[in-house]
PDB file of N, CA and C in Angstrom:
ATOM      1  N   MET A   1       0.847  -1.206  -0.022  1.00  0.00           N
ATOM      2  CA  MET A   1       0.038   0.009  -0.016  1.00  0.00           C
ATOM      3  C   MET A   1       0.901   1.281   0.041  1.00  0.00           C
ATOM      4  N   LYS A   2       1.902   1.236   0.810  1.00  0.00           N
ATOM      5  CA  LYS A   2       2.828   2.403   0.846  1.00  0.00           C
ATOM      6  C   LYS A   2       3.468   2.660  -0.515  1.00  0.00           C
ATOM      7  N   ALA A   3       3.737   1.594  -1.235  1.00  0.00           N
ATOM      8  CA  ALA A   3       4.389   1.758  -2.544  1.00  0.00           C
ATOM      9  C   ALA A   3       3.454   2.425  -3.517  1.00  0.00           C
ATOM     10  N   VAL A   4       2.154   2.126  -3.437  1.00  0.00           N
ATOM     11  CA  VAL A   4       1.143   2.681  -4.269  1.00  0.00           C
ATOM     12  C   VAL A   4       1.016   4.176  -4.019  1.00  0.00           C
ATOM     13  N   ILE A   5       0.963   4.523  -2.718  1.00  0.00           N
ATOM     14  CA  ILE A   5       0.925   5.920  -2.323  1.00  0.00           C
ATOM     15  C   ILE A   5       2.069   6.682  -2.825  1.00  0.00           C
ATOM     16  N   ARG A   6       3.290   6.148  -2.702  1.00  0.00           N
ATOM     17  CA  ARG A   6       4.488   6.786  -3.185  1.00  0.00           C
ATOM     18  C   ARG A   6       4.480   7.073  -4.669  1.00  0.00           C
ATOM     19  N   ILE A   7       4.033   6.023  -5.454  1.00  0.00           N
ATOM     20  CA  ILE A   7       3.883   6.139  -6.839  1.00  0.00           C
ATOM     21  C   ILE A   7       2.886   7.288  -7.252  1.00  0.00           C
ATOM     22  N   LEU A   8       1.792   7.308  -6.538  1.00  0.00           N
ATOM     23  CA  LEU A   8       0.788   8.311  -6.814  1.00  0.00           C
ATOM     24  C   LEU A   8       1.358   9.762  -6.436  1.00  0.00           C
ATOM     25  N   LEU A   9       2.030   9.800  -5.398  1.00  0.00           N
ATOM     26  CA  LEU A   9       2.565  11.138  -5.004  1.00  0.00           C
ATOM     27  C   LEU A   9       3.657  11.592  -5.981  1.00  0.00           C
ATOM     28  N   LEU A  10       4.493  10.621  -6.448  1.00  0.00           N
ATOM     29  CA  LEU A  10       5.469  10.948  -7.478  1.00  0.00           C
ATOM     30  C   LEU A  10       4.859  11.415  -8.728  1.00  0.00           C
ATOM     31  N   ALA A  11       3.796  10.686  -9.197  1.00  0.00           N
ATOM     32  CA  ALA A  11       3.067  11.052 -10.450  1.00  0.00           C
ATOM     33  C   ALA A  11       2.495  12.474 -10.299  1.00  0.00           C
ATOM     34  N   VAL A  12       1.873  12.801  -9.126  1.00  0.00           N
ATOM     35  CA  VAL A  12       1.354  14.134  -8.962  1.00  0.00           C
ATOM     36  C   VAL A  12       2.442  15.187  -8.962  1.00  0.00           C
ATOM     37  N   LEU A  13       3.566  14.881  -8.343  1.00  0.00           N
ATOM     38  CA  LEU A  13       4.674  15.835  -8.351  1.00  0.00           C
ATOM     39  C   LEU A  13       5.250  16.051  -9.762  1.00  0.00           C
ATOM     40  N   LEU A  14       5.428  15.001 -10.490  1.00  0.00           N
ATOM     41  CA  LEU A  14       5.958  15.092 -11.908  1.00  0.00           C
ATOM     42  C   LEU A  14       4.986  15.838 -12.778  1.00  0.00           C
ATOM     43  N   THR A  15       3.673  15.582 -12.637  1.00  0.00           N
ATOM     44  CA  THR A  15       2.760  16.275 -13.441  1.00  0.00           C
ATOM     45  C   THR A  15       2.655  17.794 -13.143  1.00  0.00           C
ATOM     46  N   SER A  16       2.768  18.153 -11.864  1.00  0.00           N
ATOM     47  CA  SER A  16       2.695  19.577 -11.463  1.00  0.00           C
ATOM     48  C   SER A  16       3.912  20.277 -11.899  1.00  0.00           C
ATOM     49  N   CYS A  17       5.113  19.642 -11.952  1.00  0.00           N
ATOM     50  CA  CYS A  17       6.278  20.293 -12.288  1.00  0.00           C
ATOM     51  C   CYS A  17       6.627  20.285 -13.786  1.00  0.00           C
ATOM     52  N   SER A  18       6.007  19.418 -14.547  1.00  0.00           N
ATOM     53  CA  SER A  18       6.410  19.275 -15.974  1.00  0.00           C
ATOM     54  C   SER A  18       5.807  20.306 -16.931  1.00  0.00           C
ATOM     55  N   GLY A  19       4.638  20.861 -16.542  1.00  0.00           N
ATOM     56  CA  GLY A  19       3.961  21.755 -17.455  1.00  0.00           C
ATOM     57  C   GLY A  19       4.123  23.242 -17.008  1.00  0.00           C
ATOM     58  N   GLY A  20       3.854  24.123 -17.935  1.00  0.00           N
ATOM     59  CA  GLY A  20       3.874  25.532 -17.678  1.00  0.00           C
ATOM     60  C   GLY A  20       2.424  25.961 -17.283  1.00  0.00           C
ATOM     61  N   TYR A  21       2.210  27.215 -17.475  1.00  0.00           N
ATOM     62  CA  TYR A  21       0.923  27.774 -17.168  1.00  0.00           C
ATOM     63  C   TYR A  21       0.281  28.346 -18.456  1.00  0.00           C
ATOM     64  N   PRO A  22      -1.057  28.390 -18.530  1.00  0.00           N
ATOM     65  CA  PRO A  22      -1.643  29.033 -19.707  1.00  0.00           C
ATOM     66  C   PRO A  22      -1.283  30.482 -19.777  1.00  0.00           C
ATOM     67  N   ARG A  23      -0.917  30.864 -20.994  1.00  0.00           N
ATOM     68  CA  ARG A  23      -0.461  32.204 -21.239  1.00  0.00           C
ATOM     69  C   ARG A  23      -1.145  32.883 -22.354  1.00  0.00           C
ATOM     70  N   VAL A  24      -1.195  34.164 -22.371  1.00  0.00           N
ATOM     71  CA  VAL A  24      -1.709  35.006 -23.468  1.00  0.00           C
ATOM     72  C   VAL A  24      -0.660  35.993 -23.783  1.00  0.00           C
ATOM     73  N   THR A  25      -0.260  36.099 -25.028  1.00  0.00           N
ATOM     74  CA  THR A  25       0.679  37.090 -25.504  1.00  0.00           C
ATOM     75  C   THR A  25      -0.083  38.080 -26.435  1.00  0.00           C
ATOM     76  N   VAL A  26       0.040  39.322 -26.158  1.00  0.00           N
ATOM     77  CA  VAL A  26      -0.501  40.394 -26.980  1.00  0.00           C
ATOM     78  C   VAL A  26       0.660  41.067 -27.770  1.00  0.00           C
ATOM     79  N   VAL A  27       0.504  41.113 -29.110  1.00  0.00           N
ATOM     80  CA  VAL A  27       1.558  41.678 -29.958  1.00  0.00           C
ATOM     81  C   VAL A  27       0.953  42.921 -30.649  1.00  0.00           C
ATOM     82  N   ASN A  28       1.661  44.094 -30.550  1.00  0.00           N
ATOM     83  CA  ASN A  28       1.206  45.205 -31.334  1.00  0.00           C
ATOM     84  C   ASN A  28       1.960  45.258 -32.606  1.00  0.00           C
ATOM     85  N   ALA A  29       1.410  44.787 -33.703  1.00  0.00           N
ATOM     86  CA  ALA A  29       2.043  44.712 -34.996  1.00  0.00           C
ATOM     87  C   ALA A  29       1.594  45.961 -35.794  1.00  0.00           C
ATOM     88  N   GLY A  30       0.857  46.828 -35.222  1.00  0.00           N
ATOM     89  CA  GLY A  30       0.402  48.019 -35.982  1.00  0.00           C
ATOM     90  C   GLY A  30       1.470  49.110 -35.945  1.00  0.00           C
ATOM     91  N   GLY A  31       1.150  50.216 -36.559  1.00  0.00           N
ATOM     92  CA  GLY A  31       2.096  51.318 -36.703  1.00  0.00           C
ATOM     93  C   GLY A  31       2.136  52.296 -35.537  1.00  0.00           C
ATOM     94  N   GLY A  32       1.122  52.219 -34.649  1.00  0.00           N
ATOM     95  CA  GLY A  32       1.075  53.140 -33.478  1.00  0.00           C
ATOM     96  C   GLY A  32       0.821  52.465 -32.203  1.00  0.00           C
ATOM     97  N   PRO A  33       0.844  53.253 -31.119  1.00  0.00           N
ATOM     98  CA  PRO A  33       0.713  52.682 -29.756  1.00  0.00           C
ATOM     99  C   PRO A  33      -0.729  52.184 -29.546  1.00  0.00           C
ATOM    100  N   LEU A  34      -0.873  51.281 -28.627  1.00  0.00           N
ATOM    101  CA  LEU A  34      -2.172  50.837 -28.114  1.00  0.00           C
ATOM    102  C   LEU A  34      -2.229  51.243 -26.629  1.00  0.00           C
ATOM    103  N   SER A  35      -3.375  51.688 -26.183  1.00  0.00           N
ATOM    104  CA  SER A  35      -3.490  51.973 -24.759  1.00  0.00           C
ATOM    105  C   SER A  35      -4.759  51.253 -24.229  1.00  0.00           C
ATOM    106  N   GLN A  36      -4.745  51.243 -22.928  1.00  0.00           N
ATOM    107  CA  GLN A  36      -5.899  50.533 -22.156  1.00  0.00           C
ATOM    108  C   GLN A  36      -6.139  49.126 -22.649  1.00  0.00           C
ATOM    109  N   VAL A  37      -5.111  48.390 -22.841  1.00  0.00           N
ATOM    110  CA  VAL A  37      -5.147  47.057 -23.295  1.00  0.00           C
ATOM    111  C   VAL A  37      -5.626  46.117 -22.179  1.00  0.00           C
ATOM    112  N   VAL A  38      -6.647  45.359 -22.367  1.00  0.00           N
ATOM    113  CA  VAL A  38      -7.191  44.462 -21.370  1.00  0.00           C
ATOM    114  C   VAL A  38      -7.580  43.136 -22.032  1.00  0.00           C
ATOM    115  N   VAL A  39      -7.153  42.069 -21.468  1.00  0.00           N
ATOM    116  CA  VAL A  39      -7.568  40.675 -21.887  1.00  0.00           C
ATOM    117  C   VAL A  39      -8.617  40.212 -20.908  1.00  0.00           C
ATOM    118  N   THR A  40      -9.800  39.742 -21.393  1.00  0.00           N
ATOM    119  CA  THR A  40     -10.882  39.218 -20.550  1.00  0.00           C
ATOM    120  C   THR A  40     -11.236  37.834 -20.944  1.00  0.00           C
ATOM    121  N   LEU A  41     -11.226  36.919 -19.978  1.00  0.00           N
ATOM    122  CA  LEU A  41     -11.646  35.554 -20.187  1.00  0.00           C
ATOM    123  C   LEU A  41     -13.153  35.449 -20.145  1.00  0.00           C
ATOM    124  N   GLU A  42     -13.664  34.377 -20.775  1.00  0.00           N
ATOM    125  CA  GLU A  42     -15.131  34.164 -20.859  1.00  0.00           C
ATOM    126  C   GLU A  42     -15.805  34.268 -19.484  1.00  0.00           C
ATOM    127  N   GLU A  43     -15.194  33.768 -18.406  1.00  0.00           N
ATOM    128  CA  GLU A  43     -15.887  33.738 -17.153  1.00  0.00           C
ATOM    129  C   GLU A  43     -15.839  35.117 -16.482  1.00  0.00           C
ATOM    130  N   GLY A  44     -15.145  36.091 -17.112  1.00  0.00           N
ATOM    131  CA  GLY A  44     -15.242  37.447 -16.602  1.00  0.00           C
ATOM    132  C   GLY A  44     -13.890  37.985 -15.981  1.00  0.00           C
ATOM    133  N   THR A  45     -12.927  37.064 -15.828  1.00  0.00           N
ATOM    134  CA  THR A  45     -11.679  37.553 -15.217  1.00  0.00           C
ATOM    135  C   THR A  45     -10.913  38.358 -16.242  1.00  0.00           C
ATOM    136  N   SER A  46     -10.447  39.574 -15.816  1.00  0.00           N
ATOM    137  CA  SER A  46      -9.764  40.523 -16.716  1.00  0.00           C
ATOM    138  C   SER A  46      -8.376  40.660 -16.240  1.00  0.00           C
ATOM    139  N   TYR A  47      -7.516  40.907 -17.197  1.00  0.00           N
ATOM    140  CA  TYR A  47      -6.037  41.106 -16.952  1.00  0.00           C
ATOM    141  C   TYR A  47      -5.650  42.415 -17.645  1.00  0.00           C
ATOM    142  N   THR A  48      -5.339  43.428 -16.952  1.00  0.00           N
ATOM    143  CA  THR A  48      -4.973  44.696 -17.537  1.00  0.00           C
ATOM    144  C   THR A  48      -3.457  44.732 -17.950  1.00  0.00           C
ATOM    145  N   ILE A  49      -3.247  45.049 -19.167  1.00  0.00           N
ATOM    146  CA  ILE A  49      -1.869  45.090 -19.708  1.00  0.00           C
ATOM    147  C   ILE A  49      -1.425  46.564 -19.691  1.00  0.00           C
ATOM    148  N   GLY A  50      -2.290  47.463 -20.000  1.00  0.00           N
ATOM    149  CA  GLY A  50      -1.916  48.858 -20.113  1.00  0.00           C
ATOM    150  C   GLY A  50      -1.540  49.347 -21.544  1.00  0.00           C
ATOM    151  N   ASN A  51      -0.428  49.845 -21.735  1.00  0.00           N
ATOM    152  CA  ASN A  51      -0.021  50.363 -23.026  1.00  0.00           C
ATOM    153  C   ASN A  51       1.032  49.475 -23.723  1.00  0.00           C
ATOM    154  N   LEU A  52       0.931  49.386 -25.050  1.00  0.00           N
ATOM    155  CA  LEU A  52       1.893  48.708 -25.872  1.00  0.00           C
ATOM    156  C   LEU A  52       2.301  49.624 -27.011  1.00  0.00           C
ATOM    157  N   ASP A  53       3.584  49.877 -27.099  1.00  0.00           N
ATOM    158  CA  ASP A  53       4.089  50.704 -28.252  1.00  0.00           C
ATOM    159  C   ASP A  53       4.070  49.802 -29.513  1.00  0.00           C
ATOM    160  N   ALA A  54       4.179  50.486 -30.608  1.00  0.00           N
ATOM    161  CA  ALA A  54       4.268  49.719 -31.915  1.00  0.00           C
ATOM    162  C   ALA A  54       5.446  48.796 -31.848  1.00  0.00           C
ATOM    163  N   GLY A  55       5.190  47.501 -32.271  1.00  0.00           N
ATOM    164  CA  GLY A  55       6.268  46.531 -32.279  1.00  0.00           C
ATOM    165  C   GLY A  55       6.461  45.842 -30.978  1.00  0.00           C
ATOM    166  N   GLU A  56       5.756  46.293 -29.924  1.00  0.00           N
ATOM    167  CA  GLU A  56       5.964  45.728 -28.551  1.00  0.00           C
ATOM    168  C   GLU A  56       5.002  44.540 -28.361  1.00  0.00           C
ATOM    169  N   GLU A  57       5.451  43.659 -27.448  1.00  0.00           N
ATOM    170  CA  GLU A  57       4.536  42.576 -27.038  1.00  0.00           C
ATOM    171  C   GLU A  57       4.695  42.244 -25.591  1.00  0.00           C
ATOM    172  N   THR A  58       3.777  41.670 -24.999  1.00  0.00           N
ATOM    173  CA  THR A  58       3.828  41.253 -23.663  1.00  0.00           C
ATOM    174  C   THR A  58       3.090  39.968 -23.448  1.00  0.00           C
ATOM    175  N   THR A  59       3.542  39.159 -22.431  1.00  0.00           N
ATOM    176  CA  THR A  59       2.896  37.871 -22.153  1.00  0.00           C
ATOM    177  C   THR A  59       2.464  37.835 -20.752  1.00  0.00           C
ATOM    178  N   ILE A  60       1.234  37.360 -20.462  1.00  0.00           N
ATOM    179  CA  ILE A  60       0.733  37.295 -19.158  1.00  0.00           C
ATOM    180  C   ILE A  60       0.255  35.810 -18.962  1.00  0.00           C
ATOM    181  N   VAL A  61       0.378  35.449 -17.643  1.00  0.00           N
ATOM    182  CA  VAL A  61      -0.157  34.141 -17.224  1.00  0.00           C
ATOM    183  C   VAL A  61      -1.588  34.333 -16.891  1.00  0.00           C
ATOM    184  N   VAL A  62      -2.421  33.510 -17.382  1.00  0.00           N
ATOM    185  CA  VAL A  62      -3.925  33.591 -17.058  1.00  0.00           C
ATOM    186  C   VAL A  62      -4.352  32.305 -16.279  1.00  0.00           C
ATOM    187  N   GLU A  63      -5.535  32.455 -15.705  1.00  0.00           N
ATOM    188  CA  GLU A  63      -6.097  31.284 -14.968  1.00  0.00           C
ATOM    189  C   GLU A  63      -7.560  31.014 -15.433  1.00  0.00           C
ATOM    190  N   PRO A  64      -7.724  30.509 -16.585  1.00  0.00           N
ATOM    191  CA  PRO A  64      -9.127  30.148 -17.044  1.00  0.00           C
ATOM    192  C   PRO A  64      -9.633  29.020 -16.236  1.00  0.00           C
ATOM    193  N   ARG A  65     -10.904  29.001 -16.080  1.00  0.00           N
ATOM    194  CA  ARG A  65     -11.645  27.895 -15.441  1.00  0.00           C
ATOM    195  C   ARG A  65     -12.159  26.984 -16.550  1.00  0.00           C
ATOM    196  N   GLY A  66     -11.462  25.967 -16.872  1.00  0.00           N
ATOM    197  CA  GLY A  66     -11.908  25.100 -18.027  1.00  0.00           C
ATOM    198  C   GLY A  66     -11.493  25.668 -19.293  1.00  0.00           C
ATOM    199  N   GLU A  67     -12.452  25.635 -20.232  1.00  0.00           N
ATOM    200  CA  GLU A  67     -12.243  26.205 -21.538  1.00  0.00           C
ATOM    201  C   GLU A  67     -12.844  27.625 -21.580  1.00  0.00           C
ATOM    202  N   SER A  68     -12.110  28.529 -22.246  1.00  0.00           N
ATOM    203  CA  SER A  68     -12.513  29.922 -22.176  1.00  0.00           C
ATOM    204  C   SER A  68     -12.262  30.628 -23.531  1.00  0.00           C
ATOM    205  N   ASP A  69     -13.259  31.361 -24.006  1.00  0.00           N
ATOM    206  CA  ASP A  69     -13.026  32.311 -25.121  1.00  0.00           C
ATOM    207  C   ASP A  69     -12.332  33.574 -24.534  1.00  0.00           C
ATOM    208  N   VAL A  70     -11.747  34.384 -25.404  1.00  0.00           N
ATOM    209  CA  VAL A  70     -10.959  35.488 -24.943  1.00  0.00           C
ATOM    210  C   VAL A  70     -11.512  36.731 -25.738  1.00  0.00           C
ATOM    211  N   THR A  71     -11.460  37.887 -25.039  1.00  0.00           N
ATOM    212  CA  THR A  71     -11.809  39.197 -25.588  1.00  0.00           C
ATOM    213  C   THR A  71     -10.622  40.068 -25.365  1.00  0.00           C
ATOM    214  N   LEU A  72     -10.271  40.835 -26.361  1.00  0.00           N
ATOM    215  CA  LEU A  72      -9.178  41.822 -26.246  1.00  0.00           C
ATOM    216  C   LEU A  72      -9.852  43.219 -26.423  1.00  0.00           C
ATOM    217  N   ASP A  73      -9.654  44.074 -25.463  1.00  0.00           N
ATOM    218  CA  ASP A  73     -10.174  45.448 -25.604  1.00  0.00           C
ATOM    219  C   ASP A  73      -8.934  46.372 -25.548  1.00  0.00           C
ATOM    220  N   TYR A  74      -8.996  47.414 -26.408  1.00  0.00           N
ATOM    221  CA  TYR A  74      -7.874  48.367 -26.423  1.00  0.00           C
ATOM    222  C   TYR A  74      -8.338  49.610 -27.136  1.00  0.00           C
ATOM    223  N   THR A  75      -7.505  50.697 -27.033  1.00  0.00           N
ATOM    224  CA  THR A  75      -7.747  51.905 -27.696  1.00  0.00           C
ATOM    225  C   THR A  75      -6.576  52.051 -28.693  1.00  0.00           C
ATOM    226  N   ASP A  76      -6.868  52.349 -29.936  1.00  0.00           N
ATOM    227  CA  ASP A  76      -5.807  52.394 -30.913  1.00  0.00           C
ATOM    228  C   ASP A  76      -5.269  53.806 -30.963  1.00  0.00           C
ATOM    229  N   ASP A  77      -4.268  54.096 -31.796  1.00  0.00           N
ATOM    230  CA  ASP A  77      -3.620  55.346 -31.822  1.00  0.00           C
ATOM    231  C   ASP A  77      -4.500  56.529 -32.364  1.00  0.00           C
ATOM    232  N   SER A  78      -5.622  56.238 -32.993  1.00  0.00           N
ATOM    233  CA  SER A  78      -6.545  57.245 -33.403  1.00  0.00           C
ATOM    234  C   SER A  78      -7.570  57.546 -32.338  1.00  0.00           C
ATOM    235  N   GLY A  79      -7.493  56.851 -31.221  1.00  0.00           N
ATOM    236  CA  GLY A  79      -8.430  57.104 -30.149  1.00  0.00           C
ATOM    237  C   GLY A  79      -9.672  56.173 -30.146  1.00  0.00           C
ATOM    238  N   GLU A  80      -9.753  55.312 -31.174  1.00  0.00           N
ATOM    239  CA  GLU A  80     -10.950  54.443 -31.192  1.00  0.00           C
ATOM    240  C   GLU A  80     -10.768  53.310 -30.335  1.00  0.00           C
ATOM    241  N   THR A  81     -11.863  53.093 -29.500  1.00  0.00           N
ATOM    242  CA  THR A  81     -11.886  51.930 -28.587  1.00  0.00           C
ATOM    243  C   THR A  81     -12.361  50.669 -29.336  1.00  0.00           C
ATOM    244  N   ARG A  82     -11.645  49.591 -29.244  1.00  0.00           N
ATOM    245  CA  ARG A  82     -12.043  48.353 -29.996  1.00  0.00           C
ATOM    246  C   ARG A  82     -12.197  47.226 -28.966  1.00  0.00           C
ATOM    247  N   SER A  83     -13.087  46.277 -29.368  1.00  0.00           N
ATOM    248  CA  SER A  83     -13.282  45.050 -28.608  1.00  0.00           C
ATOM    249  C   SER A  83     -13.387  43.923 -29.523  1.00  0.00           C
ATOM    250  N   VAL A  84     -12.438  42.972 -29.509  1.00  0.00           N
ATOM    251  CA  VAL A  84     -12.413  41.874 -30.444  1.00  0.00           C
ATOM    252  C   VAL A  84     -12.459  40.570 -29.647  1.00  0.00           C
ATOM    253  N   SER A  85     -13.457  39.715 -29.970  1.00  0.00           N
ATOM    254  CA  SER A  85     -13.607  38.449 -29.287  1.00  0.00           C
ATOM    255  C   SER A  85     -13.131  37.347 -30.225  1.00  0.00           C
ATOM    256  N   GLY A  86     -12.576  36.347 -29.731  1.00  0.00           N
ATOM    257  CA  GLY A  86     -12.141  35.203 -30.479  1.00  0.00           C
ATOM    258  C   GLY A  86     -11.040  34.489 -29.665  1.00  0.00           C
ATOM    259  N   GLY A  87     -10.470  33.564 -30.323  1.00  0.00           N
ATOM    260  CA  GLY A  87      -9.375  32.792 -29.646  1.00  0.00           C
ATOM    261  C   GLY A  87     -10.002  31.892 -28.622  1.00  0.00           C
ATOM    262  N   TYR A  88      -9.142  31.124 -28.005  1.00  0.00           N
ATOM    263  CA  TYR A  88      -9.585  30.126 -27.124  1.00  0.00           C
ATOM    264  C   TYR A  88      -8.413  29.697 -26.236  1.00  0.00           C
ATOM    265  N   ILE A  89      -8.689  29.489 -24.931  1.00  0.00           N
ATOM    266  CA  ILE A  89      -7.578  29.011 -24.071  1.00  0.00           C
ATOM    267  C   ILE A  89      -8.197  28.031 -23.079  1.00  0.00           C
ATOM    268  N   GLU A  90      -7.344  27.113 -22.650  1.00  0.00           N
ATOM    269  CA  GLU A  90      -7.763  26.090 -21.603  1.00  0.00           C
ATOM    270  C   GLU A  90      -6.876  26.173 -20.398  1.00  0.00           C
ATOM    271  N   GLU A  91      -7.321  25.681 -19.324  1.00  0.00           N
ATOM    272  CA  GLU A  91      -6.561  25.728 -18.010  1.00  0.00           C
ATOM    273  C   GLU A  91      -5.370  24.812 -18.028  1.00  0.00           C
ATOM    274  N   VAL A  92      -5.204  23.962 -19.031  1.00  0.00           N
ATOM    275  CA  VAL A  92      -4.063  23.007 -18.978  1.00  0.00           C
ATOM    276  C   VAL A  92      -2.746  23.825 -19.207  1.00  0.00           C
ATOM    277  N   GLY A  93      -1.653  23.390 -18.633  1.00  0.00           N
ATOM    278  CA  GLY A  93      -0.360  23.952 -18.820  1.00  0.00           C
ATOM    279  C   GLY A  93       0.066  23.969 -20.197  1.00  0.00           C
ATOM    280  N   ASP A  94       0.998  24.864 -20.487  1.00  0.00           N
ATOM    281  CA  ASP A  94       1.644  24.977 -21.809  1.00  0.00           C
ATOM    282  C   ASP A  94       0.703  25.467 -22.898  1.00  0.00           C
ATOM    283  N   TYR A  95      -0.587  25.880 -22.581  1.00  0.00           N
ATOM    284  CA  TYR A  95      -1.509  26.383 -23.585  1.00  0.00           C
ATOM    285  C   TYR A  95      -1.130  27.826 -23.735  1.00  0.00           C
ATOM    286  N   HIS A  96      -0.931  28.313 -24.942  1.00  0.00           N
ATOM    287  CA  HIS A  96      -0.477  29.642 -25.249  1.00  0.00           C
ATOM    288  C   HIS A  96      -1.332  30.218 -26.391  1.00  0.00           C
ATOM    289  N   LEU A  97      -1.930  31.337 -26.087  1.00  0.00           N
ATOM    290  CA  LEU A  97      -2.696  32.030 -27.099  1.00  0.00           C
ATOM    291  C   LEU A  97      -2.004  33.414 -27.472  1.00  0.00           C
ATOM    292  N   ILE A  98      -1.738  33.570 -28.772  1.00  0.00           N
ATOM    293  CA  ILE A  98      -1.068  34.791 -29.197  1.00  0.00           C
ATOM    294  C   ILE A  98      -2.069  35.661 -29.955  1.00  0.00           C
ATOM    295  N   LEU A  99      -2.251  36.851 -29.466  1.00  0.00           N
ATOM    296  CA  LEU A  99      -3.193  37.874 -30.053  1.00  0.00           C
ATOM    297  C   LEU A  99      -2.332  38.953 -30.735  1.00  0.00           C
ATOM    298  N   THR A 100      -2.426  39.013 -32.089  1.00  0.00           N
ATOM    299  CA  THR A 100      -1.597  39.974 -32.850  1.00  0.00           C
ATOM    300  C   THR A 100      -2.540  41.053 -33.397  1.00  0.00           C
ATOM    301  N   VAL A 101      -2.389  42.257 -32.886  1.00  0.00           N
ATOM    302  CA  VAL A 101      -3.120  43.369 -33.372  1.00  0.00           C
ATOM    303  C   VAL A 101      -2.495  43.944 -34.607  1.00  0.00           C
ATOM    304  N   ARG A 102      -3.164  43.854 -35.758  1.00  0.00           N
ATOM    305  CA  ARG A 102      -2.643  44.347 -37.005  1.00  0.00           C
ATOM    306  C   ARG A 102      -2.898  45.876 -37.118  1.00  0.00           C
ATOM    307  N   GLY A 103      -2.219  46.454 -38.209  1.00  0.00           N
ATOM    308  CA  GLY A 103      -2.337  47.902 -38.429  1.00  0.00           C
ATOM    309  C   GLY A 103      -3.710  48.333 -38.785  1.00  0.00           C
ATOM    310  N   ASP A 104      -4.546  47.399 -39.369  1.00  0.00           N
ATOM    311  CA  ASP A 104      -5.947  47.768 -39.735  1.00  0.00           C
ATOM    312  C   ASP A 104      -6.889  47.634 -38.517  1.00  0.00           C
ATOM    313  N   GLY A 105      -6.425  47.267 -37.382  1.00  0.00           N
ATOM    314  CA  GLY A 105      -7.332  47.138 -36.201  1.00  0.00           C
ATOM    315  C   GLY A 105      -7.775  45.695 -35.975  1.00  0.00           C
ATOM    316  N   GLY A 106      -7.598  44.840 -36.935  1.00  0.00           N
ATOM    317  CA  GLY A 106      -7.965  43.516 -36.854  1.00  0.00           C
ATOM    318  C   GLY A 106      -7.039  42.741 -35.903  1.00  0.00           C
ATOM    319  N   VAL A 107      -7.507  41.577 -35.373  1.00  0.00           N
ATOM    320  CA  VAL A 107      -6.684  40.801 -34.492  1.00  0.00           C
ATOM    321  C   VAL A 107      -6.595  39.354 -35.026  1.00  0.00           C
ATOM    322  N   ASP A 108      -5.339  38.827 -35.042  1.00  0.00           N
ATOM    323  CA  ASP A 108      -5.138  37.389 -35.420  1.00  0.00           C
ATOM    324  C   ASP A 108      -5.012  36.631 -34.162  1.00  0.00           C
ATOM    325  N   PHE A 109      -5.661  35.437 -34.081  1.00  0.00           N
ATOM    326  CA  PHE A 109      -5.568  34.597 -32.944  1.00  0.00           C
ATOM    327  C   PHE A 109      -4.818  33.335 -33.278  1.00  0.00           C
ATOM    328  N   GLU A 110      -3.807  32.966 -32.524  1.00  0.00           N
ATOM    329  CA  GLU A 110      -2.999  31.781 -32.767  1.00  0.00           C
ATOM    330  C   GLU A 110      -2.783  30.992 -31.506  1.00  0.00           C
ATOM    331  N   ASN A 111      -3.150  29.673 -31.540  1.00  0.00           N
ATOM    332  CA  ASN A 111      -2.971  28.874 -30.427  1.00  0.00           C
ATOM    333  C   ASN A 111      -1.738  27.996 -30.575  1.00  0.00           C
ATOM    334  N   THR A 112      -0.828  27.877 -29.565  1.00  0.00           N
ATOM    335  CA  THR A 112       0.305  27.066 -29.634  1.00  0.00           C
ATOM    336  C   THR A 112       0.428  26.284 -28.255  1.00  0.00           C
ATOM    337  N   PHE A 113       1.156  25.262 -28.325  1.00  0.00           N
ATOM    338  CA  PHE A 113       1.531  24.542 -27.024  1.00  0.00           C
ATOM    339  C   PHE A 113       3.012  24.573 -26.924  1.00  0.00           C
ATOM    340  N   ASP A 114       3.587  25.378 -26.071  1.00  0.00           N
ATOM    341  CA  ASP A 114       5.113  25.395 -25.881  1.00  0.00           C
ATOM    342  C   ASP A 114       5.498  24.942 -24.525  1.00  0.00           C
TER     343      ASP A 114
END
């Protein structure tokens, strides 16, 4: 019985140490700065990024509950406030969603596992 408990504890330890955390990267691929950048998960949890200069990117660790759609809110360099929904993230480790804001205001969503 002790051997089974040790094996289970080892399995839990290896599982918890082997993976990363779900992450969202926001990339400003446009020609001007973005301000008031906020990533919101489907269940309502919001992560404030703030400002991103042209060409800048930032990565945040998120804590989705299960599967979650993502909304990106930001103000572009002309002062227009935008809200773009799409993309998808899960609570499993190593799940990575990259949101690339293009110069035309559109957003590309790319999922990776790294």
